[in-house]
């Protein structure tokens, strides 16, 4: 049998809360309602000695203690296997205590079988087991009462055992379904938090990865120009400062839940980043053909594509193409996919193209972008470019 951990607030938090309280209140009222006539009959019957009266009362109290506490004990177990094991032990205790009551009280003890059926119905047992035990109690009531010349009473009690037993089974099932829904709601909430954490991590990578790449390129360029062209080096340093401030603003906007990425701004930044890296840029002059609903996503594609071109491609030329339903980034470099830190960079097999499928490593940025595109209902593909390097394509 599968062993599953009980969740907080599992089927019912049987040690505290409304579930146990209502069950115990109901058990108390049932005890008073159904056993008071039995008690008065026993204590008013002169044929019973005082010792017999004490014994019958004690055994009855023992049975009802098992009836009231047994289901709570079984449901308090942590795993499904432990619950079933505990339920079997409780049922055996109920049968034993009820048998002792029957021996001491006689035929009048058959009324306790109604409570026995209700307790069985509430046990964490397979439905088939509960059904068979309740049906067995109903048939037993009918036979025992009939053999003692009380067929009408036997039929009434059998009907009562079946109706109350099945009603309690339905009640237990409703509680189970309600608590399963509650557990599922909690699981979904945890999954939503994890998904949001992944989204934030992806956004931070995309924002800082691009900005820091450009900063590194510009810093290297400024370092080379300090002696040859101090004026241009100063301008590069000013642009680095602007980029750092912009990256900080992007991070703050992302943390606040407002994404400021759009394709217009990213194309403008791409032009500067490619120029700083010494890469000729072929960029669209207008984004009017791009629907407003796609501009943020296309901005992310341009950002990630240009970041990869600057960082990995060693390209001399980069071309970005926009259409109403797609964006494409091409370069002519000797592109190599990013690999995890500490891993050896894969090489294509001799005589094969890097794009033959034998060499398909992708970095974190492309994986995050692919997930973003998938969530937006589009598809991302990579492969060789007609320029001779790498092609990144997103189609909606």
Protein backbone atom coordinates (compact mmCIF):
# COMPACT_ATOMS: atom_id res chain seq x y z
CA UNK A 1 0.00 0.00 0.00
CA UNK A 2 1.32 3.42 -0.90
CA UNK A 3 2.78 5.28 2.01
CA UNK A 4 1.98 8.95 1.73
CA UNK A 5 2.74 11.63 4.24
CA UNK A 6 -0.22 13.37 5.74
CA UNK A 7 -0.35 17.06 4.96
CA UNK A 8 -0.97 19.67 7.62
CA UNK A 9 -4.72 19.71 8.03
CA UNK A 10 -4.78 16.31 6.23
CA UNK A 11 -8.25 14.73 5.87
CA UNK A 12 -9.27 16.31 9.14
CA UNK A 13 -7.07 17.73 11.86
CA UNK A 14 -8.52 15.24 14.30
CA UNK A 15 -6.61 16.41 17.35
CA UNK A 16 -8.17 19.85 17.34
CA UNK A 17 -10.63 21.96 15.42
CA UNK A 18 -14.27 21.77 14.43
CA UNK A 19 -14.10 18.22 13.04
CA UNK A 20 -13.18 16.42 16.27
CA UNK A 21 -15.31 18.74 18.37
CA UNK A 22 -18.44 18.10 16.27
CA UNK A 23 -17.79 14.35 16.22
CA UNK A 24 -17.41 14.20 20.01
CA UNK A 25 -20.52 16.34 20.55
CA UNK A 26 -22.50 14.07 18.24
CA UNK A 27 -21.17 10.97 19.99
CA UNK A 28 -22.17 12.44 23.36
CA UNK A 29 -25.72 13.19 22.25
CA UNK A 30 -26.02 9.74 20.69
CA UNK A 31 -24.86 8.15 23.91
CA UNK A 32 -27.49 9.98 25.93
CA UNK A 33 -30.27 9.53 23.36
CA UNK A 34 -29.90 5.82 22.65
CA UNK A 35 -28.47 4.37 25.84
CA UNK A 36 -30.49 6.16 28.49
CA UNK A 37 -33.45 3.76 28.09
CA UNK A 38 -31.02 0.85 28.39
CA UNK A 39 -29.48 2.25 31.55
CA UNK A 40 -32.88 2.93 33.16
CA UNK A 41 -34.05 -0.56 32.21
CA UNK A 42 -30.97 -2.20 33.70
CA UNK A 43 -30.93 -0.16 36.90
CA UNK A 44 -34.71 -0.51 37.34
CA UNK A 45 -34.63 -4.29 36.82
CA UNK A 46 -34.53 -6.04 40.21
CA UNK A 47 -33.25 -9.24 38.58
CA UNK A 48 -29.85 -7.61 38.03
CA UNK A 49 -27.56 -7.48 40.99
CA UNK A 50 -25.70 -4.25 41.81
CA UNK A 51 -22.49 -5.81 40.55
CA UNK A 52 -24.13 -6.74 37.24
CA UNK A 53 -25.46 -3.21 36.84
CA UNK A 54 -21.98 -1.75 37.44
CA UNK A 55 -20.45 -4.26 34.99
CA UNK A 56 -23.01 -3.59 32.23
CA UNK A 57 -22.66 0.17 32.67
CA UNK A 58 -18.87 -0.03 32.62
CA UNK A 59 -18.77 -2.20 29.50
CA UNK A 60 -21.20 0.11 27.73
CA UNK A 61 -19.11 3.14 28.64
CA UNK A 62 -16.02 1.30 27.38
CA UNK A 63 -17.69 0.60 24.03
CA UNK A 64 -18.80 4.20 23.59
CA UNK A 65 -15.36 5.44 24.56
CA UNK A 66 -13.95 3.35 21.71
CA UNK A 67 -16.73 4.63 19.48
CA UNK A 68 -16.00 8.29 20.26
CA UNK A 69 -12.20 8.21 20.31
CA UNK A 70 -11.44 5.44 17.80
CA UNK A 71 -11.96 7.38 14.55
CA UNK A 72 -10.03 10.34 15.94
CA UNK A 73 -7.10 8.11 16.81
CA UNK A 74 -7.07 6.41 13.39
CA UNK A 75 -7.18 9.70 11.47
CA UNK A 76 -4.42 11.22 13.60
CA UNK A 77 -1.83 8.88 12.05
CA UNK A 78 0.64 10.47 9.63
CA UNK A 79 0.58 8.05 6.69
CA UNK A 80 -2.09 6.13 4.79
CA UNK A 81 -0.59 2.81 5.83
CA UNK A 82 -0.52 3.79 9.51
CA UNK A 83 -4.10 5.05 9.31
CA UNK A 84 -5.38 1.76 7.91
CA UNK A 85 -3.42 -0.20 10.51
CA UNK A 86 -4.80 1.97 13.31
CA UNK A 87 -8.35 1.69 11.90
CA UNK A 88 -8.13 -2.12 11.92
CA UNK A 89 -7.04 -2.07 15.55
CA UNK A 90 -9.89 0.31 16.45
CA UNK A 91 -12.45 -1.88 14.68
CA UNK A 92 -11.18 -4.92 16.58
CA UNK A 93 -11.46 -2.98 19.86
CA UNK A 94 -15.01 -1.96 18.97
CA UNK A 95 -16.01 -5.54 18.12
CA UNK A 96 -14.46 -6.85 21.33
CA UNK A 97 -16.06 -4.23 23.58
CA UNK A 98 -19.39 -4.63 21.81
CA UNK A 99 -19.19 -8.41 22.21
CA UNK A 100 -18.66 -7.99 25.94
CA UNK A 101 -21.69 -5.68 26.13
CA UNK A 102 -23.76 -8.24 24.22
CA UNK A 103 -22.72 -11.03 26.61
CA UNK A 104 -23.57 -8.92 29.66
CA UNK A 105 -26.73 -7.21 28.39
CA UNK A 106 -28.18 -9.79 26.05
CA UNK A 107 -30.45 -9.03 23.09
CA UNK A 108 -30.85 -5.38 24.13
CA UNK A 109 -27.20 -4.81 23.21
CA UNK A 110 -28.06 -5.14 19.50
CA UNK A 111 -28.99 -1.46 19.47
CA UNK A 112 -25.32 -0.66 19.86
CA UNK A 113 -24.71 -2.13 16.40
CA UNK A 114 -26.06 1.10 14.93
CA UNK A 115 -23.21 2.99 16.62
CA UNK A 116 -20.77 0.32 15.53
CA UNK A 117 -21.85 0.85 11.90
CA UNK A 118 -21.41 4.64 12.21
CA UNK A 119 -17.93 4.23 13.69
CA UNK A 120 -16.90 1.80 10.95
CA UNK A 121 -18.23 4.19 8.29
CA UNK A 122 -15.95 6.96 9.57
CA UNK A 123 -12.80 4.82 9.61
CA UNK A 124 -9.91 5.45 7.16
CA UNK A 125 -10.49 2.06 5.56
CA UNK A 126 -11.08 1.10 1.92
CA UNK A 127 -14.68 1.73 0.90
CA UNK A 128 -15.22 -1.95 0.10
CA UNK A 129 -14.24 -2.99 3.62
CA UNK A 130 -16.59 -0.47 5.22
CA UNK A 131 -19.44 -1.43 2.92
CA UNK A 132 -19.07 -5.13 3.72
CA UNK A 133 -18.91 -4.55 7.49
CA UNK A 134 -21.99 -2.30 7.49
CA UNK A 135 -23.91 -4.75 5.33
CA UNK A 136 -22.83 -7.58 7.65
CA UNK A 137 -24.11 -5.69 10.70
CA UNK A 138 -27.45 -5.06 8.97
CA UNK A 139 -27.87 -8.72 7.99
CA UNK A 140 -26.80 -9.82 11.48
CA UNK A 141 -29.38 -7.53 13.10
CA UNK A 142 -32.11 -8.92 10.85
CA UNK A 143 -31.17 -12.56 11.52
CA UNK A 144 -30.65 -12.28 15.27
CA UNK A 145 -33.87 -10.33 15.85
CA UNK A 146 -35.79 -12.63 13.53
CA UNK A 147 -34.57 -15.77 15.27
CA UNK A 148 -35.77 -14.27 18.56
CA UNK A 149 -39.25 -13.62 17.21
CA UNK A 150 -38.76 -9.90 16.62
CA UNK A 151 -38.64 -9.77 12.82
CA UNK A 152 -40.20 -6.29 12.67
CA UNK A 153 -37.63 -4.87 15.11
CA UNK A 154 -34.90 -6.66 13.16
CA UNK A 155 -36.03 -5.12 9.88
CA UNK A 156 -36.19 -1.67 11.47
CA UNK A 157 -32.74 -1.98 12.99
CA UNK A 158 -31.22 -3.35 9.75
CA UNK A 159 -32.68 -0.36 7.89
CA UNK A 160 -31.28 1.99 10.53
CA UNK A 161 -27.81 0.40 10.35
CA UNK A 162 -27.73 0.68 6.55
CA UNK A 163 -29.09 4.21 6.35
CA UNK A 164 -26.93 5.69 9.10
CA UNK A 165 -23.85 3.72 8.06
CA UNK A 166 -24.02 4.81 4.41
CA UNK A 167 -24.91 8.36 5.41
CA UNK A 168 -21.78 8.51 7.57
CA UNK A 169 -19.72 7.08 4.70
CA UNK A 170 -21.00 9.86 2.44
CA UNK A 171 -20.26 12.42 5.13
CA UNK A 172 -16.72 11.10 5.53
CA UNK A 173 -16.24 11.23 1.76
CA UNK A 174 -17.37 14.86 1.65
CA UNK A 175 -14.87 15.76 4.36
CA UNK A 176 -12.15 13.89 2.50
CA UNK A 177 -12.86 15.68 -0.77
CA UNK A 178 -13.01 19.05 0.93
CA UNK A 179 -9.68 18.51 2.64
CA UNK A 180 -8.11 17.15 -0.55
CA UNK A 181 -9.16 20.34 -2.29
CA UNK A 182 -7.64 22.36 0.52
CA UNK A 183 -4.39 20.40 0.26
CA UNK A 184 -4.40 20.90 -3.52
CA UNK A 185 -4.95 24.62 -3.04
CA UNK A 186 -1.92 24.77 -0.77
CA UNK A 187 0.16 22.81 -3.28
CA UNK A 188 -0.89 25.17 -6.06
CA UNK A 189 0.03 28.15 -3.90
CA UNK A 190 3.49 26.67 -3.33
CA UNK A 191 3.83 25.97 -7.06
CA UNK A 192 2.78 29.54 -7.87
CA UNK A 193 5.45 30.89 -5.53
CA UNK A 194 8.06 28.66 -7.17
CA UNK A 195 6.94 29.76 -10.64
CA UNK A 196 7.15 33.41 -9.63
CA UNK A 197 10.60 32.82 -8.17
CA UNK A 198 11.69 31.26 -11.48
CA UNK A 199 10.23 34.20 -13.40
CA UNK A 200 12.08 36.67 -11.22
CA UNK A 201 15.33 34.75 -11.61
CA UNK A 202 14.85 34.64 -15.38
CA UNK A 203 14.11 38.36 -15.54
CA UNK A 204 17.11 39.23 -13.41
CA UNK A 205 19.35 37.10 -15.59
CA UNK A 206 18.04 38.68 -18.77
CA UNK A 207 18.33 42.22 -17.44
CA UNK A 208 21.71 41.99 -15.72
CA UNK A 209 23.21 39.60 -18.25
CA UNK A 210 22.67 42.04 -21.09
CA UNK A 211 23.63 45.17 -19.18
CA UNK A 212 26.75 43.73 -17.59
CA UNK A 213 27.88 42.29 -20.91
CA UNK A 214 27.67 45.72 -22.54
CA UNK A 215 29.35 47.32 -19.54
CA UNK A 216 32.22 44.84 -19.81
CA UNK A 217 32.62 45.47 -23.55
CA UNK A 218 32.55 49.23 -23.12
CA UNK A 219 34.97 49.12 -20.19
CA UNK A 220 37.41 47.08 -22.27
CA UNK A 221 37.04 49.52 -25.14
CA UNK A 222 37.52 52.53 -22.87
CA UNK A 223 40.65 50.94 -21.46
CA UNK A 224 42.14 50.61 -24.94
CA UNK A 225 41.20 54.19 -25.85
CA UNK A 226 42.59 55.91 -22.77
CA UNK A 227 45.88 56.71 -24.48
CA UNK A 228 44.81 56.77 -28.12
CA UNK A 229 41.57 58.76 -27.82
CA UNK A 230 40.92 60.08 -24.29
CA UNK A 231 37.80 61.95 -25.40
CA UNK A 232 36.09 58.85 -26.76
CA UNK A 233 37.22 56.88 -23.72
CA UNK A 234 35.51 59.46 -21.52
CA UNK A 235 32.32 59.14 -23.56
CA UNK A 236 32.44 55.36 -23.20
CA UNK A 237 32.79 55.75 -19.43
CA UNK A 238 29.80 58.07 -19.38
CA UNK A 239 27.80 55.47 -21.30
CA UNK A 240 28.92 52.81 -18.82
CA UNK A 241 27.58 54.97 -16.01
CA UNK A 242 24.27 55.41 -17.86
CA UNK A 243 24.06 51.67 -18.49
CA UNK A 244 24.70 50.91 -14.82
CA UNK A 245 21.99 53.36 -13.77
CA UNK A 246 19.61 51.90 -16.34
CA UNK A 247 20.32 48.35 -15.16
CA UNK A 248 19.61 49.43 -11.59
CA UNK A 249 16.33 50.99 -12.68
CA UNK A 250 15.41 47.82 -14.58
CA UNK A 251 16.14 45.69 -11.54
CA UNK A 252 13.98 47.91 -9.35
CA UNK A 253 11.17 47.85 -11.89
CA UNK A 254 11.35 44.07 -12.15
CA UNK A 255 11.32 43.61 -8.38
CA UNK A 256 8.31 45.92 -8.20
CA UNK A 257 6.58 43.71 -10.78
CA UNK A 258 6.65 46.19 -13.65
CA UNK A 259 8.60 45.11 -16.70
CA UNK A 260 9.94 48.04 -18.67
CA UNK A 261 11.24 45.95 -21.56
CA UNK A 262 9.96 46.78 -25.04
CA UNK A 263 11.31 46.18 -28.50
CA UNK A 264 11.84 49.88 -29.31
CA UNK A 265 14.12 50.48 -26.32
CA UNK A 266 15.94 47.20 -26.84
CA UNK A 267 16.71 47.99 -30.48
CA UNK A 268 18.18 51.32 -29.41
CA UNK A 269 20.32 49.63 -26.78
CA UNK A 270 21.28 46.89 -29.23
CA UNK A 271 22.65 49.46 -31.65
CA UNK A 272 24.93 50.91 -28.98
CA UNK A 273 26.01 47.52 -27.65
CA UNK A 274 26.87 46.17 -31.11
CA UNK A 275 28.75 49.35 -32.04
CA UNK A 276 30.79 49.16 -28.84
CA UNK A 277 31.71 45.56 -29.66
CA UNK A 278 32.76 46.55 -33.19
CA UNK A 279 29.90 44.64 -34.82
CA UNK A 280 28.04 46.07 -37.80
CA UNK A 281 24.33 46.26 -37.00
CA UNK A 282 21.49 45.82 -39.49
CA UNK A 283 18.43 46.88 -37.53
CA UNK A 284 14.86 47.61 -38.61
CA UNK A 285 14.07 51.28 -38.94
CA UNK A 286 10.56 50.90 -37.53
CA UNK A 287 8.59 48.58 -35.26
CA UNK A 288 5.16 49.75 -36.41
CA UNK A 289 4.37 46.32 -37.84
CA UNK A 290 4.82 44.63 -34.46
CA UNK A 291 1.52 44.32 -32.49
CA UNK A 292 1.53 45.96 -29.08
CA UNK A 293 0.88 42.58 -27.44
CA UNK A 294 4.20 41.24 -28.80
CA UNK A 295 6.48 44.19 -28.20
CA UNK A 296 7.55 43.24 -24.69
CA UNK A 297 8.32 39.64 -25.66
CA UNK A 298 10.18 40.73 -28.81
CA UNK A 299 12.16 43.12 -26.65
CA UNK A 300 13.31 40.19 -24.53
CA UNK A 301 14.25 38.26 -27.66
CA UNK A 302 16.30 41.17 -29.01
CA UNK A 303 17.99 41.63 -25.63
CA UNK A 304 18.95 37.98 -25.26
CA UNK A 305 19.94 37.62 -28.92
CA UNK A 306 22.21 40.66 -28.92
CA UNK A 307 23.72 39.66 -25.57
CA UNK A 308 24.66 36.27 -27.04
CA UNK A 309 26.07 37.86 -30.18
CA UNK A 310 28.27 40.23 -28.18
CA UNK A 311 29.31 37.63 -25.63
CA UNK A 312 29.76 34.44 -27.65
CA UNK A 313 29.77 34.96 -31.40
CA UNK A 314 33.00 36.79 -32.29
CA UNK A 315 30.86 38.16 -35.13
CA UNK A 316 31.49 41.12 -37.39
CA UNK A 317 27.90 41.49 -38.48
CA UNK A 318 24.49 41.16 -36.81
CA UNK A 319 21.07 41.46 -38.40
CA UNK A 320 17.74 41.76 -36.59
CA UNK A 321 14.53 41.21 -38.55
CA UNK A 322 11.05 42.02 -37.28
CA UNK A 323 7.64 40.97 -38.60
CA UNK A 324 4.12 41.12 -37.15
CA UNK A 325 4.42 37.59 -35.85
CA UNK A 326 8.13 37.00 -35.38
CA UNK A 327 11.62 38.27 -34.66
CA UNK A 328 14.94 36.89 -35.88
CA UNK A 329 18.54 37.60 -34.87
CA UNK A 330 21.35 36.50 -37.24
CA UNK A 331 25.11 36.85 -37.03
CA UNK A 332 28.13 35.74 -39.03
CA UNK A 333 30.32 34.69 -36.13
CA UNK A 334 31.94 31.46 -35.02
CA UNK A 335 29.28 31.08 -32.39
CA UNK A 336 29.67 28.68 -29.47
CA UNK A 337 26.81 27.89 -27.10
CA UNK A 338 27.20 28.74 -23.45
CA UNK A 339 27.96 25.83 -21.14
CA UNK A 340 27.64 25.55 -17.36
CA UNK A 341 30.54 26.89 -15.34
CA UNK A 342 33.24 24.29 -14.84
CA UNK A 343 32.11 22.17 -17.80
CA UNK A 344 34.18 21.51 -20.87
CA UNK A 345 32.86 23.21 -23.98
CA UNK A 346 31.52 20.56 -26.41
CA UNK A 347 32.98 20.27 -29.88
CA UNK A 348 31.26 19.07 -33.04
CA UNK A 349 32.10 15.66 -34.37
CA UNK A 350 34.66 15.69 -37.20
CA UNK A 351 33.06 16.44 -40.51
CA UNK A 352 29.76 17.58 -39.03
CA UNK A 353 28.18 20.99 -38.62
CA UNK A 354 27.78 22.40 -35.12
CA UNK A 355 24.07 22.56 -35.96
CA UNK A 356 23.69 18.88 -36.90
CA UNK A 357 22.02 18.10 -33.61
CA UNK A 358 25.12 16.52 -32.07
CA UNK A 359 26.09 19.81 -30.48
CA UNK A 360 23.06 21.49 -29.04
CA UNK A 361 24.07 22.95 -25.69
CA UNK A 362 22.15 26.08 -24.66
CA UNK A 363 22.86 28.53 -21.93
CA UNK A 364 20.61 29.66 -19.12
CA UNK A 365 19.57 32.76 -21.07
CA UNK A 366 18.21 30.86 -24.06
CA UNK A 367 16.50 28.33 -21.81
CA UNK A 368 14.80 31.13 -19.88
CA UNK A 369 13.83 32.87 -23.11
CA UNK A 370 12.40 29.63 -24.51
CA UNK A 371 10.22 29.26 -21.41
CA UNK A 372 9.05 32.85 -21.70
CA UNK A 373 8.17 32.36 -25.37
CA UNK A 374 6.36 29.11 -24.63
CA UNK A 375 4.23 30.77 -21.96
CA UNK A 376 3.29 33.47 -24.50
CA UNK A 377 2.16 30.83 -26.99
CA UNK A 378 5.09 31.09 -29.38
CA UNK A 379 7.97 28.86 -30.46
CA UNK A 380 11.72 29.47 -30.27
CA UNK A 381 14.20 27.82 -32.59
CA UNK A 382 17.95 28.08 -33.11
CA UNK A 383 20.18 27.01 -35.93
CA UNK A 384 22.65 28.09 -38.60
CA UNK A 385 22.24 31.51 -40.16
CA UNK A 386 22.55 32.33 -43.82
CA UNK A 387 25.17 34.86 -42.70
CA UNK A 388 27.33 31.94 -41.63
CA UNK A 389 26.84 32.08 -37.89
CA UNK A 390 23.96 31.60 -35.49
CA UNK A 391 20.25 32.29 -35.92
CA UNK A 392 17.72 32.84 -33.15
CA UNK A 393 14.08 32.83 -34.30
CA UNK A 394 10.86 33.36 -32.38
CA UNK A 395 7.50 32.89 -34.10
CA UNK A 396 4.13 33.62 -32.52
